[in-house]
Amino acid sequence: MSAEDRVEAQAAPPPEPHRGGAGTLSGSQKEEAGCTDCGRKGGCDDRKGGMFAAMDQALLRLYPTRRWGERDEAAAFRAGVAGQGPELADRLARALKALALFRPGAPEEYCDFVYVLCFGRTPSLIELREGTAAPEEGVGETIDELYLRVALSSVAPFAAVQQVAMSLDRSDGELVIAEAPRTGVFDPVLLPRFQKLVAVLAELDIRHLDFGEMTQPPAGFDAGDYGDRYGGAPTIANYFFYPQPASAITTTVLDACGSR
């Protein structure tokens, strides 16, 4: 039985372009696009100033026409950090003492991913979905897990982190695995792991971008035909990492043996 993968995304009006703000890790619905840092201001403004400058420079280098779909592939060639994914997964597994699984991006994506299991058990749902583990017998009908997902751009020297909930439901001899990312990291319980993760990125000289600062369209850019496929306008994250909305839910259906 083949797997059915689908993306479920409801288009929403794009937020007004903005930068900065108080930000939070608590992640209420109102603050879903907030800062994913620890909440301490200290040197945050200076750090974010450098981050914004790097983002602006990369956007103009990659999209000189300021239009979605018109990326300069020569500028993108070998400009990313996706090739460091396996090494990052190995370092995160040791630093966080947790499962860290590398997954190449899909053909339409321009990033690779590393998933860090924060709450759950092994074999994990990400291992089951990616075919590196078989489903266990005698476990409950529903399983819920929580991850930190790192996206490593293949077109820019950037990484970004999202909180991801993954769930499994057993139904009619099928295993239905849903992946639900959020636009940043919001649950305070994830903060210690998140801080260690960002420190490992710094050790590898990979610039971490606060996801909450990439949830709006870049000012002065033309959305092109993005809305025809996804609805709304592409956000900054879409220009650097992948085309789908950042909170799109992906559902994968496997047979009871875990086969695609």
Protein backbone atom coordinates (compact mmCIF):
# COMPACT_ATOMS: atom_id res chain seq x y z
CA MET A 1 0.00 0.00 0.00
CA SER A 2 1.46 3.32 -0.98
CA ALA A 3 1.69 6.28 1.34
CA GLU A 4 -0.40 9.34 0.78
CA ASP A 5 1.34 12.59 1.67
CA ARG A 6 -0.63 15.77 1.60
CA VAL A 7 -0.28 19.31 2.88
CA GLU A 8 -3.29 20.92 4.48
CA ALA A 9 -2.96 24.71 4.68
CA GLN A 10 -5.62 27.34 5.07
CA ALA A 11 -4.73 30.62 3.46
CA ALA A 12 -4.79 33.63 5.75
CA PRO A 13 -4.34 37.33 4.98
CA PRO A 14 -0.61 38.09 5.09
CA PRO A 15 0.47 40.12 8.13
CA GLU A 16 1.77 43.61 7.68
CA PRO A 17 5.55 43.77 7.25
CA HIS A 18 7.20 44.63 10.55
CA ARG A 19 10.37 44.11 12.46
CA GLY A 20 11.20 43.74 16.09
CA GLY A 21 8.75 43.76 18.95
CA ALA A 22 8.68 42.37 22.44
CA GLY A 23 8.33 38.74 21.45
CA THR A 24 7.58 35.78 23.68
CA LEU A 25 8.14 32.09 24.13
CA SER A 26 4.66 31.53 25.52
CA GLY A 27 3.15 31.54 22.04
CA SER A 28 -0.41 32.72 22.49
CA GLN A 29 -2.41 32.89 19.29
CA LYS A 30 -1.99 36.64 19.22
CA GLU A 31 1.77 36.33 19.60
CA GLU A 32 2.32 33.33 17.31
CA ALA A 33 4.75 35.34 15.19
CA GLY A 34 6.72 36.58 18.19
CA CYS A 35 10.39 36.33 19.01
CA THR A 36 11.72 32.86 19.73
CA ASP A 37 14.56 34.09 21.91
CA CYS A 38 14.72 33.77 25.67
CA GLY A 39 13.00 37.09 26.43
CA ARG A 40 16.08 38.87 27.76
CA LYS A 41 16.63 42.17 25.94
CA GLY A 42 20.31 42.81 26.88
CA GLY A 43 22.18 42.55 23.59
CA CYS A 44 19.15 41.27 21.70
CA ASP A 45 18.63 44.45 19.69
CA ASP A 46 22.26 44.50 18.51
CA ARG A 47 22.16 40.81 17.63
CA LYS A 48 18.92 41.20 15.70
CA GLY A 49 20.31 44.22 13.87
CA GLY A 50 23.01 42.01 12.41
CA MET A 51 20.45 39.30 11.64
CA PHE A 52 18.17 41.73 9.80
CA ALA A 53 21.10 43.08 7.77
CA ALA A 54 22.13 39.55 6.78
CA MET A 55 18.57 38.72 5.77
CA ASP A 56 18.23 41.89 3.68
CA GLN A 57 21.52 41.26 1.88
CA ALA A 58 20.61 37.65 1.14
CA LEU A 59 17.15 38.55 -0.15
CA LEU A 60 18.53 41.10 -2.59
CA ARG A 61 21.31 38.77 -3.71
CA LEU A 62 18.97 35.82 -4.29
CA TYR A 63 16.01 37.79 -5.67
CA PRO A 64 17.42 40.85 -7.45
CA THR A 65 14.08 41.48 -9.21
CA ARG A 66 12.27 41.39 -5.83
CA ARG A 67 9.75 38.93 -7.25
CA TRP A 68 8.74 35.46 -6.04
CA GLY A 69 9.85 32.71 -8.39
CA GLU A 70 12.71 34.71 -9.90
CA ARG A 71 15.62 33.48 -7.80
CA ASP A 72 19.14 33.99 -9.09
CA GLU A 73 20.35 30.38 -9.14
CA ALA A 74 23.96 31.45 -9.69
CA ALA A 75 23.80 33.42 -6.44
CA ALA A 76 22.19 30.46 -4.67
CA PHE A 77 24.74 27.92 -5.88
CA ARG A 78 26.73 26.56 -2.94
CA ALA A 79 25.55 29.46 -0.79
CA GLY A 80 23.69 27.33 1.72
CA VAL A 81 24.47 25.19 4.75
CA ALA A 82 22.23 22.19 4.04
CA GLY A 83 25.31 20.03 3.51
CA GLN A 84 26.08 20.29 7.22
CA GLY A 85 22.87 18.50 8.17
CA PRO A 86 24.37 15.08 9.05
CA GLU A 87 27.10 16.67 11.16
CA LEU A 88 24.58 18.89 12.90
CA ALA A 89 22.38 15.90 13.71
CA ASP A 90 25.35 14.07 15.22
CA ARG A 91 26.37 17.06 17.34
CA LEU A 92 22.83 17.73 18.52
CA ALA A 93 22.34 14.11 19.53
CA ARG A 94 25.41 14.36 21.77
CA ALA A 95 24.77 17.88 23.10
CA LEU A 96 21.07 17.34 23.85
CA LYS A 97 21.34 13.62 24.66
CA ALA A 98 18.35 13.00 22.42
CA LEU A 99 17.43 11.47 19.11
CA ALA A 100 18.41 13.80 16.26
CA LEU A 101 17.45 12.64 12.78
CA PHE A 102 18.58 14.21 9.51
CA ARG A 103 16.03 14.35 6.68
CA PRO A 104 16.75 15.72 3.20
CA GLY A 105 14.23 18.24 1.97
CA ALA A 106 11.60 17.37 -0.63
CA PRO A 107 12.33 18.22 -4.29
CA GLU A 108 10.38 21.48 -4.10
CA GLU A 109 12.09 22.55 -0.88
CA TYR A 110 15.43 24.35 -0.73
CA CYS A 111 16.49 23.17 2.70
CA ASP A 112 17.23 20.02 4.64
CA PHE A 113 15.94 19.25 8.12
CA VAL A 114 17.15 17.91 11.44
CA TYR A 115 14.47 16.72 13.89
CA VAL A 116 15.31 16.62 17.61
CA LEU A 117 12.96 14.51 19.73
CA CYS A 118 12.10 16.48 22.89
CA PHE A 119 9.09 14.60 24.29
CA GLY A 120 8.31 11.09 23.14
CA ARG A 121 9.86 7.65 23.03
CA THR A 122 11.97 5.64 20.65
CA PRO A 123 11.39 4.26 18.15
CA SER A 124 9.90 7.65 17.37
CA LEU A 125 7.26 8.74 14.89
CA ILE A 126 9.83 10.53 12.74
CA GLU A 127 11.81 7.27 12.50
CA LEU A 128 8.63 5.40 11.60
CA ARG A 129 7.65 7.93 8.96
CA GLU A 130 11.10 8.01 7.40
CA GLY A 131 11.33 4.24 7.31
CA THR A 132 14.21 3.79 9.76
CA ALA A 133 12.06 1.98 12.36
CA ALA A 134 9.08 -0.39 12.36
CA PRO A 135 5.85 0.25 14.29
CA GLU A 136 5.65 -1.36 17.72
CA GLU A 137 2.92 -3.82 18.63
CA GLY A 138 0.73 -3.24 21.63
CA VAL A 139 1.10 0.55 21.85
CA GLY A 140 -1.87 2.89 22.10
CA GLU A 141 -4.08 3.94 19.25
CA THR A 142 -2.81 7.51 19.49
CA ILE A 143 0.74 8.75 20.07
CA ASP A 144 1.84 12.38 20.47
CA GLU A 145 5.42 13.65 20.31
CA LEU A 146 7.13 17.05 20.39
CA TYR A 147 10.20 18.05 18.38
CA LEU A 148 12.48 20.92 17.56
CA ARG A 149 12.90 21.01 13.77
CA VAL A 150 15.90 22.76 12.27
CA ALA A 151 15.70 23.91 8.66
CA LEU A 152 19.08 24.35 6.95
CA SER A 153 18.87 26.50 3.84
CA SER A 154 20.52 25.30 0.62
CA VAL A 155 20.45 28.81 -0.88
CA ALA A 156 21.65 30.97 2.04
CA PRO A 157 23.91 30.44 5.09
CA PHE A 158 20.95 30.34 7.47
CA ALA A 159 19.15 27.97 9.84
CA ALA A 160 15.79 28.39 11.55
CA VAL A 161 14.06 26.38 14.26
CA GLN A 162 10.41 25.46 14.66
CA GLN A 163 8.47 23.63 17.33
CA VAL A 164 6.74 20.63 15.75
CA ALA A 165 4.03 18.36 17.13
CA MET A 166 3.82 14.91 15.57
CA SER A 167 0.95 12.50 16.16
CA LEU A 168 -0.04 8.99 15.11
CA ASP A 169 -3.53 7.58 14.81
CA ARG A 170 -4.33 3.97 13.94
CA SER A 171 -7.41 3.56 11.76
CA ASP A 172 -8.69 0.70 9.59
CA GLY A 173 -5.31 -0.97 9.33
CA GLU A 174 -3.52 2.28 8.50
CA LEU A 175 -1.10 4.48 10.40
CA VAL A 176 -1.79 8.17 9.97
CA ILE A 177 1.11 10.42 10.99
CA ALA A 178 0.50 14.17 11.12
CA GLU A 179 3.24 16.80 11.44
CA ALA A 180 2.08 20.19 12.71
CA PRO A 181 4.78 22.89 12.86
CA ARG A 182 4.41 26.26 14.54
CA THR A 183 5.96 29.51 13.42
CA GLY A 184 8.76 29.43 15.96
CA VAL A 185 9.41 27.92 19.40
CA PHE A 186 6.84 28.91 22.00
CA ASP A 187 6.53 26.37 24.82
CA PRO A 188 8.76 27.38 27.76
CA VAL A 189 9.55 23.72 28.47
CA LEU A 190 11.53 23.66 25.21
CA LEU A 191 13.72 26.64 26.10
CA PRO A 192 16.73 24.74 27.58
CA ARG A 193 16.98 22.46 24.55
CA PHE A 194 16.43 25.36 22.19
CA GLN A 195 19.26 27.35 23.74
CA LYS A 196 21.65 24.38 23.49
CA LEU A 197 20.60 23.85 19.87
CA VAL A 198 21.35 27.46 18.95
CA ALA A 199 24.73 27.16 20.67
CA VAL A 200 25.59 24.15 18.49
CA LEU A 201 24.63 26.13 15.38
CA ALA A 202 27.02 28.87 16.50
CA GLU A 203 29.80 26.29 16.95
CA LEU A 204 29.29 25.29 13.31
CA ASP A 205 29.29 28.96 12.22
CA ILE A 206 25.70 28.72 10.98
CA ARG A 207 23.64 31.88 11.45
CA HIS A 208 20.41 31.24 13.30
CA LEU A 209 17.41 33.33 12.23
CA ASP A 210 14.59 33.93 14.70
CA PHE A 211 11.61 32.36 13.00
CA GLY A 212 9.26 34.93 14.47
CA GLU A 213 11.01 37.59 12.38
CA MET A 214 10.36 35.71 9.12
CA THR A 215 6.60 35.27 9.26
CA GLN A 216 5.81 38.37 7.22
CA PRO A 217 6.38 39.15 3.52
CA PRO A 218 9.56 41.12 2.79
CA ALA A 219 8.78 44.77 2.21
CA GLY A 220 8.72 45.82 -1.43
CA PHE A 221 8.63 42.30 -2.88
CA ASP A 222 6.16 41.07 -5.49
CA ALA A 223 4.34 37.84 -4.56
CA GLY A 224 4.20 36.73 -8.20
CA ASP A 225 2.03 33.62 -8.61
CA TYR A 226 2.51 32.39 -5.05
CA GLY A 227 -1.10 33.03 -4.09
CA ASP A 228 -2.41 30.85 -6.92
CA ARG A 229 -0.87 27.77 -5.29
CA TYR A 230 -0.63 28.52 -1.60
CA GLY A 231 -2.84 31.54 -0.93
CA GLY A 232 -1.64 34.80 0.54
CA ALA A 233 1.88 36.12 -0.02
CA PRO A 234 5.24 34.39 0.56
CA THR A 235 6.92 35.23 3.83
CA ILE A 236 10.64 35.74 4.34
CA ALA A 237 10.93 32.10 5.46
CA ASN A 238 9.49 31.00 2.11
CA TYR A 239 12.26 32.82 0.25
CA PHE A 240 15.00 31.09 2.27
CA PHE A 241 13.75 27.60 3.12
CA TYR A 242 10.64 26.14 1.50
CA PRO A 243 7.59 27.30 -0.47
CA GLN A 244 4.70 25.98 1.68
CA PRO A 245 3.23 28.03 4.54
CA ALA A 246 5.34 27.62 7.68
CA SER A 247 2.47 26.14 9.71
CA ALA A 248 1.15 23.81 7.00
CA ILE A 249 0.19 20.39 8.38
CA THR A 250 1.61 17.38 6.53
CA THR A 251 -0.17 14.02 6.77
CA THR A 252 1.44 10.70 5.83
CA VAL A 253 -0.51 7.44 5.59
CA LEU A 254 1.32 4.11 5.99
CA ASP A 255 0.02 0.58 6.15
CA ALA A 256 -0.04 -1.23 9.49
CA CYS A 257 3.47 -2.59 8.88
CA GLY A 258 4.85 0.89 8.34
CA SER A 259 5.27 0.47 4.58
CA ARG A 260 4.73 3.26 2.12
